[in-house]
Amino acid sequence: MENWELVARECIRDTVARYNHAGDSGRFDDMVACFTETGGLIVVGSTEHFGRAALREFFSGVGAGAQPGFTHLRHCVTNVLIDVESPEAAAVASYFQVITDIGVDHWGRYRDRFVPADGGWRIEQRSVKTDGYAPNSYFA
């Protein structure tokens, strides 16, 4: 493995972590900064959002549809599999669980396309598939 690939992998891991930490604390500008300028989010079976303005609008409204009452939100991302294809592109697959006051609320998968941008590696496209919800999920 060459040095540039190690740097790419670590930058990608950092972006994955920053995305979830920002989202869990409602810092939507920081969350959007994890995407390229024209980056997109595809919610499988639902909506698609491309460009930072559309992403910010979507992220700021996600919690609005949740049932009232939860006091914390934590995304736990695991099994981050990074396939660096070249110095210009990487495919990333990972699993997530979302923890709220009830415990595990919902879970699923991210499938990402990363590219170098803004001095790091940013999400060019993220596909989110929720595989399941707890019976008393705040988000179902």
C-alpha atoms as a PDB file:
ATOM      1  CA  MET A   1       0.000   0.000   0.000  1.00  0.00           C
ATOM      2  CA  GLU A   2       1.337   3.409  -0.940  1.00  0.00           C
ATOM      3  CA  ASN A   3       1.457   6.397   1.382  1.00  0.00           C
ATOM      4  CA  TRP A   4      -1.200   8.382  -0.547  1.00  0.00           C
ATOM      5  CA  GLU A   5      -3.663   5.502  -0.050  1.00  0.00           C
ATOM      6  CA  LEU A   6      -3.072   5.475   3.711  1.00  0.00           C
ATOM      7  CA  VAL A   7      -3.725   9.217   3.787  1.00  0.00           C
ATOM      8  CA  ALA A   8      -6.893   8.773   1.708  1.00  0.00           C
ATOM      9  CA  ARG A   9      -8.198   6.050   4.016  1.00  0.00           C
ATOM     10  CA  GLU A  10      -7.614   8.127   7.138  1.00  0.00           C
ATOM     11  CA  CYS A  11      -9.213  11.211   5.574  1.00  0.00           C
ATOM     12  CA  ILE A  12     -12.259   9.122   4.623  1.00  0.00           C
ATOM     13  CA  ARG A  13     -12.561   7.709   8.164  1.00  0.00           C
ATOM     14  CA  ASP A  14     -12.351  11.256   9.513  1.00  0.00           C
ATOM     15  CA  THR A  15     -15.129  12.470   7.200  1.00  0.00           C
ATOM     16  CA  VAL A  16     -17.387   9.548   8.155  1.00  0.00           C
ATOM     17  CA  ALA A  17     -16.935  10.395  11.847  1.00  0.00           C
ATOM     18  CA  ARG A  18     -17.403  14.144  11.348  1.00  0.00           C
ATOM     19  CA  TYR A  19     -20.642  13.577   9.399  1.00  0.00           C
ATOM     20  CA  ASN A  20     -22.218  11.569  12.212  1.00  0.00           C
ATOM     21  CA  HIS A  21     -20.946  13.711  15.083  1.00  0.00           C
ATOM     22  CA  ALA A  22     -22.224  16.841  13.339  1.00  0.00           C
ATOM     23  CA  GLY A  23     -25.613  15.300  12.591  1.00  0.00           C
ATOM     24  CA  ASP A  24     -26.078  14.010  16.125  1.00  0.00           C
ATOM     25  CA  SER A  25     -25.487  17.479  17.545  1.00  0.00           C
ATOM     26  CA  GLY A  26     -27.560  19.360  14.949  1.00  0.00           C
ATOM     27  CA  ARG A  27     -24.583  21.083  13.301  1.00  0.00           C
ATOM     28  CA  PHE A  28     -25.985  20.858   9.777  1.00  0.00           C
ATOM     29  CA  ASP A  29     -23.439  23.183   8.137  1.00  0.00           C
ATOM     30  CA  ASP A  30     -20.635  20.909   9.380  1.00  0.00           C
ATOM     31  CA  MET A  31     -22.575  17.879   8.178  1.00  0.00           C
ATOM     32  CA  VAL A  32     -23.065  19.376   4.715  1.00  0.00           C
ATOM     33  CA  ALA A  33     -19.353  20.258   4.550  1.00  0.00           C
ATOM     34  CA  CYS A  34     -18.653  16.497   4.469  1.00  0.00           C
ATOM     35  CA  PHE A  35     -20.050  16.482   0.904  1.00  0.00           C
ATOM     36  CA  THR A  36     -18.604  17.935  -2.281  1.00  0.00           C
ATOM     37  CA  GLU A  37     -20.300  21.081  -3.607  1.00  0.00           C
ATOM     38  CA  THR A  38     -22.500  18.972  -5.900  1.00  0.00           C
ATOM     39  CA  GLY A  39     -22.621  15.919  -3.638  1.00  0.00           C
ATOM     40  CA  GLY A  40     -25.770  13.935  -3.181  1.00  0.00           C
ATOM     41  CA  LEU A  41     -27.716  11.878  -0.698  1.00  0.00           C
ATOM     42  CA  ILE A  42     -30.050   9.138  -1.865  1.00  0.00           C
ATOM     43  CA  VAL A  43     -32.464   7.790   0.731  1.00  0.00           C
ATOM     44  CA  VAL A  44     -33.333   4.395  -0.756  1.00  0.00           C
ATOM     45  CA  GLY A  45     -37.050   4.141  -1.430  1.00  0.00           C
ATOM     46  CA  SER A  46     -37.648   7.798  -0.637  1.00  0.00           C
ATOM     47  CA  THR A  47     -35.877  11.003  -1.698  1.00  0.00           C
ATOM     48  CA  GLU A  48     -32.728  12.306  -3.380  1.00  0.00           C
ATOM     49  CA  HIS A  49     -30.910  15.550  -2.564  1.00  0.00           C
ATOM     50  CA  PHE A  50     -28.030  17.033  -4.551  1.00  0.00           C
ATOM     51  CA  GLY A  51     -25.919  20.092  -3.808  1.00  0.00           C
ATOM     52  CA  ARG A  52     -25.081  21.600  -0.448  1.00  0.00           C
ATOM     53  CA  ALA A  53     -28.148  23.868  -0.247  1.00  0.00           C
ATOM     54  CA  ALA A  54     -30.534  20.960  -0.854  1.00  0.00           C
ATOM     55  CA  LEU A  55     -28.636  18.782   1.620  1.00  0.00           C
ATOM     56  CA  ARG A  56     -28.807  21.426   4.344  1.00  0.00           C
ATOM     57  CA  GLU A  57     -32.534  21.866   3.806  1.00  0.00           C
ATOM     58  CA  PHE A  58     -33.073  18.100   4.026  1.00  0.00           C
ATOM     59  CA  PHE A  59     -30.880  17.566   7.117  1.00  0.00           C
ATOM     60  CA  SER A  60     -32.443  20.435   9.025  1.00  0.00           C
ATOM     61  CA  GLY A  61     -35.885  18.884   8.512  1.00  0.00           C
ATOM     62  CA  VAL A  62     -35.088  15.234   9.287  1.00  0.00           C
ATOM     63  CA  GLY A  63     -35.888  15.448  12.999  1.00  0.00           C
ATOM     64  CA  ALA A  64     -39.102  17.368  12.328  1.00  0.00           C
ATOM     65  CA  GLY A  65     -40.867  14.163  11.319  1.00  0.00           C
ATOM     66  CA  ALA A  66     -39.721  12.260  14.403  1.00  0.00           C
ATOM     67  CA  GLN A  67     -42.025  11.586  17.285  1.00  0.00           C
ATOM     68  CA  PRO A  68     -41.507  14.147  20.063  1.00  0.00           C
ATOM     69  CA  GLY A  69     -39.751  13.201  23.266  1.00  0.00           C
ATOM     70  CA  PHE A  70     -36.279  11.941  22.464  1.00  0.00           C
ATOM     71  CA  THR A  71     -33.419  13.716  24.197  1.00  0.00           C
ATOM     72  CA  HIS A  72     -30.393  12.251  22.461  1.00  0.00           C
ATOM     73  CA  LEU A  73     -29.395  10.853  19.114  1.00  0.00           C
ATOM     74  CA  ARG A  74     -26.216   8.849  18.467  1.00  0.00           C
ATOM     75  CA  HIS A  75     -25.158   7.226  15.220  1.00  0.00           C
ATOM     76  CA  CYS A  76     -22.786   4.278  15.653  1.00  0.00           C
ATOM     77  CA  VAL A  77     -21.019   3.418  12.406  1.00  0.00           C
ATOM     78  CA  THR A  78     -19.244   0.074  12.097  1.00  0.00           C
ATOM     79  CA  ASN A  79     -17.443  -2.171   9.632  1.00  0.00           C
ATOM     80  CA  VAL A  80     -16.244   0.726   7.500  1.00  0.00           C
ATOM     81  CA  LEU A  81     -14.917  -0.944   4.356  1.00  0.00           C
ATOM     82  CA  ILE A  82     -12.863   1.412   2.185  1.00  0.00           C
ATOM     83  CA  ASP A  83     -11.913   0.455  -1.367  1.00  0.00           C
ATOM     84  CA  VAL A  84      -9.548   3.135  -2.661  1.00  0.00           C
ATOM     85  CA  GLU A  85      -9.818   2.721  -6.412  1.00  0.00           C
ATOM     86  CA  SER A  86      -7.393   5.473  -7.405  1.00  0.00           C
ATOM     87  CA  PRO A  87      -6.027   8.772  -6.080  1.00  0.00           C
ATOM     88  CA  GLU A  88      -9.316  10.277  -7.317  1.00  0.00           C
ATOM     89  CA  ALA A  89     -12.034   7.896  -6.078  1.00  0.00           C
ATOM     90  CA  ALA A  90     -13.006   5.497  -3.310  1.00  0.00           C
ATOM     91  CA  ALA A  91     -16.029   3.322  -2.609  1.00  0.00           C
ATOM     92  CA  VAL A  92     -17.023   2.997   1.042  1.00  0.00           C
ATOM     93  CA  ALA A  93     -19.557   0.668   2.655  1.00  0.00           C
ATOM     94  CA  SER A  94     -20.579   0.711   6.319  1.00  0.00           C
ATOM     95  CA  TYR A  95     -23.353  -0.168   8.729  1.00  0.00           C
ATOM     96  CA  PHE A  96     -25.081   2.168  11.164  1.00  0.00           C
ATOM     97  CA  GLN A  97     -27.216   1.928  14.269  1.00  0.00           C
ATOM     98  CA  VAL A  98     -29.034   4.938  15.687  1.00  0.00           C
ATOM     99  CA  ILE A  99     -29.439   5.079  19.440  1.00  0.00           C
ATOM    100  CA  THR A 100     -32.075   7.249  21.119  1.00  0.00           C
ATOM    101  CA  ASP A 101     -33.713   7.171  24.546  1.00  0.00           C
ATOM    102  CA  ILE A 102     -35.266   3.781  23.706  1.00  0.00           C
ATOM    103  CA  GLY A 103     -31.923   2.173  22.843  1.00  0.00           C
ATOM    104  CA  VAL A 104     -31.365   1.029  19.267  1.00  0.00           C
ATOM    105  CA  ASP A 105     -33.981   2.966  17.310  1.00  0.00           C
ATOM    106  CA  HIS A 106     -33.168   2.036  13.715  1.00  0.00           C
ATOM    107  CA  TRP A 107     -30.319   0.587  11.686  1.00  0.00           C
ATOM    108  CA  GLY A 108     -29.083   0.239   8.146  1.00  0.00           C
ATOM    109  CA  ARG A 109     -26.312   0.764   5.613  1.00  0.00           C
ATOM    110  CA  TYR A 110     -24.362   3.560   3.977  1.00  0.00           C
ATOM    111  CA  ARG A 111     -22.920   3.078   0.486  1.00  0.00           C
ATOM    112  CA  ASP A 112     -20.667   5.990  -0.422  1.00  0.00           C
ATOM    113  CA  ARG A 113     -18.576   7.402  -3.212  1.00  0.00           C
ATOM    114  CA  PHE A 114     -15.718   9.605  -1.960  1.00  0.00           C
ATOM    115  CA  VAL A 115     -13.464  11.951  -3.936  1.00  0.00           C
ATOM    116  CA  PRO A 116     -10.701  14.336  -2.914  1.00  0.00           C
ATOM    117  CA  ALA A 117     -12.086  17.865  -2.367  1.00  0.00           C
ATOM    118  CA  ASP A 118     -11.625  20.861  -0.071  1.00  0.00           C
ATOM    119  CA  GLY A 119      -8.261  19.608   1.201  1.00  0.00           C
ATOM    120  CA  GLY A 120      -9.574  16.182   2.242  1.00  0.00           C
ATOM    121  CA  TRP A 121     -11.871  13.448   0.970  1.00  0.00           C
ATOM    122  CA  ARG A 122     -15.564  14.315   0.720  1.00  0.00           C
ATOM    123  CA  ILE A 123     -18.733  12.409  -0.047  1.00  0.00           C
ATOM    124  CA  GLU A 124     -19.693  12.685  -3.694  1.00  0.00           C
ATOM    125  CA  GLN A 125     -22.700  10.417  -3.218  1.00  0.00           C
ATOM    126  CA  ARG A 126     -24.188   8.664  -0.207  1.00  0.00           C
ATOM    127  CA  SER A 127     -26.906   6.053  -0.399  1.00  0.00           C
ATOM    128  CA  VAL A 128     -28.703   5.398   2.896  1.00  0.00           C
ATOM    129  CA  LYS A 129     -30.813   2.280   3.345  1.00  0.00           C
ATOM    130  CA  THR A 130     -32.615   1.777   6.639  1.00  0.00           C
ATOM    131  CA  ASP A 131     -32.977  -1.961   7.199  1.00  0.00           C
ATOM    132  CA  GLY A 132     -35.201  -1.869  10.267  1.00  0.00           C
ATOM    133  CA  TYR A 133     -36.837   0.055  13.091  1.00  0.00           C
ATOM    134  CA  ALA A 134     -37.506  -0.773  16.731  1.00  0.00           C
ATOM    135  CA  PRO A 135     -41.244  -1.206  17.427  1.00  0.00           C
ATOM    136  CA  ASN A 136     -41.279   2.052  19.385  1.00  0.00           C
ATOM    137  CA  SER A 137     -38.870   3.961  17.088  1.00  0.00           C
ATOM    138  CA  TYR A 138     -38.959   7.746  17.144  1.00  0.00           C
ATOM    139  CA  PHE A 139     -38.334   7.762  13.377  1.00  0.00           C
ATOM    140  CA  ALA A 140     -40.449   4.932  11.940  1.00  0.00           C
END
